[in-house]
C-alpha atoms as a PDB file:
ATOM      1  CA  MET A   1     151.748 197.818  59.164  1.00  0.00           C
ATOM      2  CA  LYS A   2     154.379 199.068  61.548  1.00  0.00           C
ATOM      3  CA  TYR A   3     153.790 199.353  65.292  1.00  0.00           C
ATOM      4  CA  MET A   4     155.958 200.626  68.104  1.00  0.00           C
ATOM      5  CA  LEU A   5     155.697 198.523  71.246  1.00  0.00           C
ATOM      6  CA  MET A   6     156.954 200.379  74.308  1.00  0.00           C
ATOM      7  CA  VAL A   7     157.890 198.922  77.667  1.00  0.00           C
ATOM      8  CA  LEU A   8     157.568 201.330  80.583  1.00  0.00           C
ATOM      9  CA  GLY A   9     159.589 201.728  83.771  1.00  0.00           C
ATOM     10  CA  LYS A  10     160.747 204.086  86.496  1.00  0.00           C
ATOM     11  CA  GLN A  11     164.186 204.907  87.848  1.00  0.00           C
ATOM     12  CA  ALA A  12     163.435 202.660  90.837  1.00  0.00           C
ATOM     13  CA  ASP A  13     163.026 199.728  88.424  1.00  0.00           C
ATOM     14  CA  TYR A  14     166.473 200.304  86.940  1.00  0.00           C
ATOM     15  CA  ASP A  15     167.880 200.549  90.479  1.00  0.00           C
ATOM     16  CA  ALA A  16     166.144 197.247  91.352  1.00  0.00           C
ATOM     17  CA  MET A  17     167.647 195.548  88.308  1.00  0.00           C
ATOM     18  CA  SER A  18     171.096 196.520  89.621  1.00  0.00           C
ATOM     19  CA  GLY A  19     170.226 194.804  92.931  1.00  0.00           C
ATOM     20  CA  LYS A  20     169.043 197.842  94.926  1.00  0.00           C
ATOM     21  CA  ALA A  21     165.613 197.228  96.468  1.00  0.00           C
ATOM     22  CA  SER A  22     163.277 200.170  96.989  1.00  0.00           C
ATOM     23  CA  GLY A  23     159.753 200.692  98.249  1.00  0.00           C
ATOM     24  CA  ASP A  24     158.609 200.235  94.645  1.00  0.00           C
ATOM     25  CA  SER A  25     160.469 197.056  93.715  1.00  0.00           C
ATOM     26  CA  PRO A  26     162.579 194.263  95.207  1.00  0.00           C
ATOM     27  CA  GLY A  27     166.247 194.031  94.242  1.00  0.00           C
ATOM     28  CA  TRP A  28     166.878 191.623  91.397  1.00  0.00           C
ATOM     29  CA  SER A  29     169.375 188.773  91.589  1.00  0.00           C
ATOM     30  CA  ALA A  30     171.810 188.031  88.756  1.00  0.00           C
ATOM     31  CA  ALA A  31     169.690 184.966  87.878  1.00  0.00           C
ATOM     32  CA  GLN A  32     166.495 187.040  87.674  1.00  0.00           C
ATOM     33  CA  LEU A  33     168.206 189.626  85.477  1.00  0.00           C
ATOM     34  CA  LYS A  34     169.506 186.824  83.213  1.00  0.00           C
ATOM     35  CA  ALA A  35     166.006 185.359  82.970  1.00  0.00           C
ATOM     36  CA  MET A  36     164.662 188.734  81.827  1.00  0.00           C
ATOM     37  CA  PHE A  37     167.402 189.158  79.225  1.00  0.00           C
ATOM     38  CA  ASP A  38     166.931 185.550  78.034  1.00  0.00           C
ATOM     39  CA  HIS A  39     163.187 186.134  77.613  1.00  0.00           C
ATOM     40  CA  MET A  40     163.666 189.361  75.683  1.00  0.00           C
ATOM     41  CA  GLY A  41     166.456 187.818  73.585  1.00  0.00           C
ATOM     42  CA  ALA A  42     164.235 184.881  72.626  1.00  0.00           C
ATOM     43  CA  LEU A  43     161.440 187.289  71.668  1.00  0.00           C
ATOM     44  CA  ASN A  44     163.855 189.341  69.538  1.00  0.00           C
ATOM     45  CA  ASP A  45     165.193 186.145  67.874  1.00  0.00           C
ATOM     46  CA  GLU A  46     161.631 185.007  67.075  1.00  0.00           C
ATOM     47  CA  LEU A  47     160.692 188.377  65.567  1.00  0.00           C
ATOM     48  CA  THR A  48     163.909 188.462  63.524  1.00  0.00           C
ATOM     49  CA  ALA A  49     163.338 184.926  62.204  1.00  0.00           C
ATOM     50  CA  ALA A  50     159.757 185.865  61.238  1.00  0.00           C
ATOM     51  CA  GLY A  51     160.984 188.979  59.422  1.00  0.00           C
ATOM     52  CA  GLU A  52     158.869 191.190  61.697  1.00  0.00           C
ATOM     53  CA  LEU A  53     161.537 193.037  63.669  1.00  0.00           C
ATOM     54  CA  VAL A  54     162.491 196.493  62.391  1.00  0.00           C
ATOM     55  CA  ASP A  55     164.347 197.704  65.518  1.00  0.00           C
ATOM     56  CA  ALA A  56     164.464 197.020  69.240  1.00  0.00           C
ATOM     57  CA  GLN A  57     166.390 198.809  71.957  1.00  0.00           C
ATOM     58  CA  GLY A  58     166.498 199.073  75.695  1.00  0.00           C
ATOM     59  CA  LEU A  59     166.980 202.624  76.897  1.00  0.00           C
ATOM     60  CA  ALA A  60     169.422 203.902  79.528  1.00  0.00           C
ATOM     61  CA  GLU A  61     168.095 204.672  82.986  1.00  0.00           C
ATOM     62  CA  PRO A  62     165.803 207.719  83.215  1.00  0.00           C
ATOM     63  CA  ARG A  63     168.223 209.709  85.377  1.00  0.00           C
ATOM     64  CA  ARG A  64     170.558 209.876  82.355  1.00  0.00           C
ATOM     65  CA  ALA A  65     167.902 211.448  80.103  1.00  0.00           C
ATOM     66  CA  ARG A  66     167.247 215.180  79.879  1.00  0.00           C
ATOM     67  CA  LEU A  67     164.408 217.363  78.693  1.00  0.00           C
ATOM     68  CA  VAL A  68     165.269 219.803  75.908  1.00  0.00           C
ATOM     69  CA  THR A  69     163.382 222.898  74.818  1.00  0.00           C
ATOM     70  CA  ALA A  70     164.549 225.932  72.833  1.00  0.00           C
ATOM     71  CA  ASP A  71     165.058 229.548  73.779  1.00  0.00           C
ATOM     72  CA  ALA A  72     163.721 232.485  71.760  1.00  0.00           C
ATOM     73  CA  ASP A  73     166.664 232.183  69.367  1.00  0.00           C
ATOM     74  CA  GLY A  74     166.147 228.487  68.822  1.00  0.00           C
ATOM     75  CA  ALA A  75     169.197 227.396  70.870  1.00  0.00           C
ATOM     76  CA  PRO A  76     168.730 224.248  72.944  1.00  0.00           C
ATOM     77  CA  VAL A  77     167.847 224.630  76.629  1.00  0.00           C
ATOM     78  CA  VAL A  78     168.724 221.415  78.426  1.00  0.00           C
ATOM     79  CA  SER A  79     167.242 220.661  81.836  1.00  0.00           C
ATOM     80  CA  ASP A  80     169.536 219.436  84.583  1.00  0.00           C
ATOM     81  CA  VAL A  81     166.616 217.744  86.336  1.00  0.00           C
ATOM     82  CA  PRO A  82     166.526 213.981  85.943  1.00  0.00           C
ATOM     83  CA  TYR A  83     163.670 212.740  83.870  1.00  0.00           C
ATOM     84  CA  GLY A  84     161.352 209.993  85.020  1.00  0.00           C
ATOM     85  CA  GLU A  85     162.480 209.600  88.621  1.00  0.00           C
ATOM     86  CA  THR A  86     158.948 208.941  89.890  1.00  0.00           C
ATOM     87  CA  SER A  87     156.791 208.595  86.792  1.00  0.00           C
ATOM     88  CA  ALA A  88     156.816 205.797  84.264  1.00  0.00           C
ATOM     89  CA  VAL A  89     158.766 206.509  81.098  1.00  0.00           C
ATOM     90  CA  ILE A  90     159.706 204.463  78.039  1.00  0.00           C
ATOM     91  CA  ALA A  91     162.338 201.927  79.136  1.00  0.00           C
ATOM     92  CA  GLY A  92     162.652 200.118  75.812  1.00  0.00           C
ATOM     93  CA  TYR A  93     160.884 199.510  72.547  1.00  0.00           C
ATOM     94  CA  TRP A  94     160.387 197.341  69.486  1.00  0.00           C
ATOM     95  CA  VAL A  95     159.359 198.563  66.061  1.00  0.00           C
ATOM     96  CA  VAL A  96     157.696 195.665  64.279  1.00  0.00           C
ATOM     97  CA  ASP A  97     156.213 195.321  60.817  1.00  0.00           C
ATOM     98  CA  VAL A  98     153.259 192.942  61.162  1.00  0.00           C
ATOM     99  CA  PRO A  99     149.990 192.339  59.280  1.00  0.00           C
ATOM    100  CA  ASP A 100     147.690 193.816  61.897  1.00  0.00           C
ATOM    101  CA  PHE A 101     147.081 195.040  65.446  1.00  0.00           C
ATOM    102  CA  ASP A 102     146.236 191.525  66.636  1.00  0.00           C
ATOM    103  CA  ARG A 103     149.797 190.324  65.865  1.00  0.00           C
ATOM    104  CA  ALA A 104     151.281 193.440  67.509  1.00  0.00           C
ATOM    105  CA  ALA A 105     149.146 192.697  70.594  1.00  0.00           C
ATOM    106  CA  GLU A 106     150.396 189.068  70.668  1.00  0.00           C
ATOM    107  CA  ILE A 107     153.992 190.337  70.680  1.00  0.00           C
ATOM    108  CA  ALA A 108     153.188 192.911  73.378  1.00  0.00           C
ATOM    109  CA  ALA A 109     151.678 190.160  75.534  1.00  0.00           C
ATOM    110  CA  ARG A 110     154.883 188.115  75.184  1.00  0.00           C
ATOM    111  CA  ALA A 111     156.922 191.130  76.284  1.00  0.00           C
ATOM    112  CA  TYR A 112     154.574 191.754  79.208  1.00  0.00           C
ATOM    113  CA  ALA A 113     154.967 188.133  80.322  1.00  0.00           C
ATOM    114  CA  CYS A 114     158.688 188.652  80.898  1.00  0.00           C
ATOM    115  CA  PRO A 115     159.788 186.980  84.163  1.00  0.00           C
ATOM    116  CA  VAL A 116     160.387 189.461  86.982  1.00  0.00           C
ATOM    117  CA  PRO A 117     160.861 189.073  90.735  1.00  0.00           C
ATOM    118  CA  GLU A 118     157.683 188.813  92.803  1.00  0.00           C
ATOM    119  CA  GLY A 119     156.573 192.256  93.903  1.00  0.00           C
ATOM    120  CA  THR A 120     158.000 194.039  90.866  1.00  0.00           C
ATOM    121  CA  PRO A 121     155.568 196.652  89.485  1.00  0.00           C
ATOM    122  CA  ALA A 122     153.741 195.629  86.319  1.00  0.00           C
ATOM    123  CA  TYR A 123     153.369 198.152  83.504  1.00  0.00           C
ATOM    124  CA  PRO A 124     151.299 197.741  80.371  1.00  0.00           C
ATOM    125  CA  VAL A 125     153.115 197.528  77.041  1.00  0.00           C
ATOM    126  CA  VAL A 126     152.029 200.447  74.889  1.00  0.00           C
ATOM    127  CA  VAL A 127     151.186 199.471  71.286  1.00  0.00           C
ATOM    128  CA  HIS A 128     151.171 202.471  68.992  1.00  0.00           C
ATOM    129  CA  PRO A 129     150.799 202.397  65.200  1.00  0.00           C
ATOM    130  CA  VAL A 130     153.593 204.121  63.310  1.00  0.00           C
ATOM    131  CA  ASP A 131     152.056 206.783  61.093  1.00  0.00           C
ATOM    132  CA  SER A 132     152.976 206.164  57.482  1.00  0.00           C
ATOM    133  CA  GLY A 133     151.514 209.416  56.200  1.00  0.00           C
ATOM    134  CA  PRO A 134     148.241 210.106  54.444  1.00  0.00           C
ATOM    135  CA  GLU A 135     146.368 206.988  53.441  1.00  0.00           C
ATOM    136  CA  THR A 136     145.607 206.673  49.771  1.00  0.00           C
ATOM    137  CA  GLU A 137     142.900 204.776  47.980  1.00  0.00           C
ATOM    138  CA  ALA A 138     144.107 201.850  45.870  1.00  0.00           C
END
């Protein structure tokens, strides 16, 4: 079964990773950033070797994202307001194909255990099944 595992974050977290401390998070050093990337890289390597990784991506900082709706004629209406400045948004994700929720939860716990500087906010990893359409009886 496929699951999407989503890591959350705020704009302040992205700023902190670039070394800028805020009230929400201490600034990260180059060594702390490398430790985070090494941890995530090792997790991705393990999932790839096990044949469980479908896709994984980190997302650009929230201030670069936009909200899109449509006008009455169906044309896109793009907001110019940054998305996710103060609320947690998806910062990155994995799509995994694993036997069950328990394995997806194990992977999420590994992602959650990523090393971060002391005082950095902790966010849960969202584990969401990927809908494969109507279930059929065998």
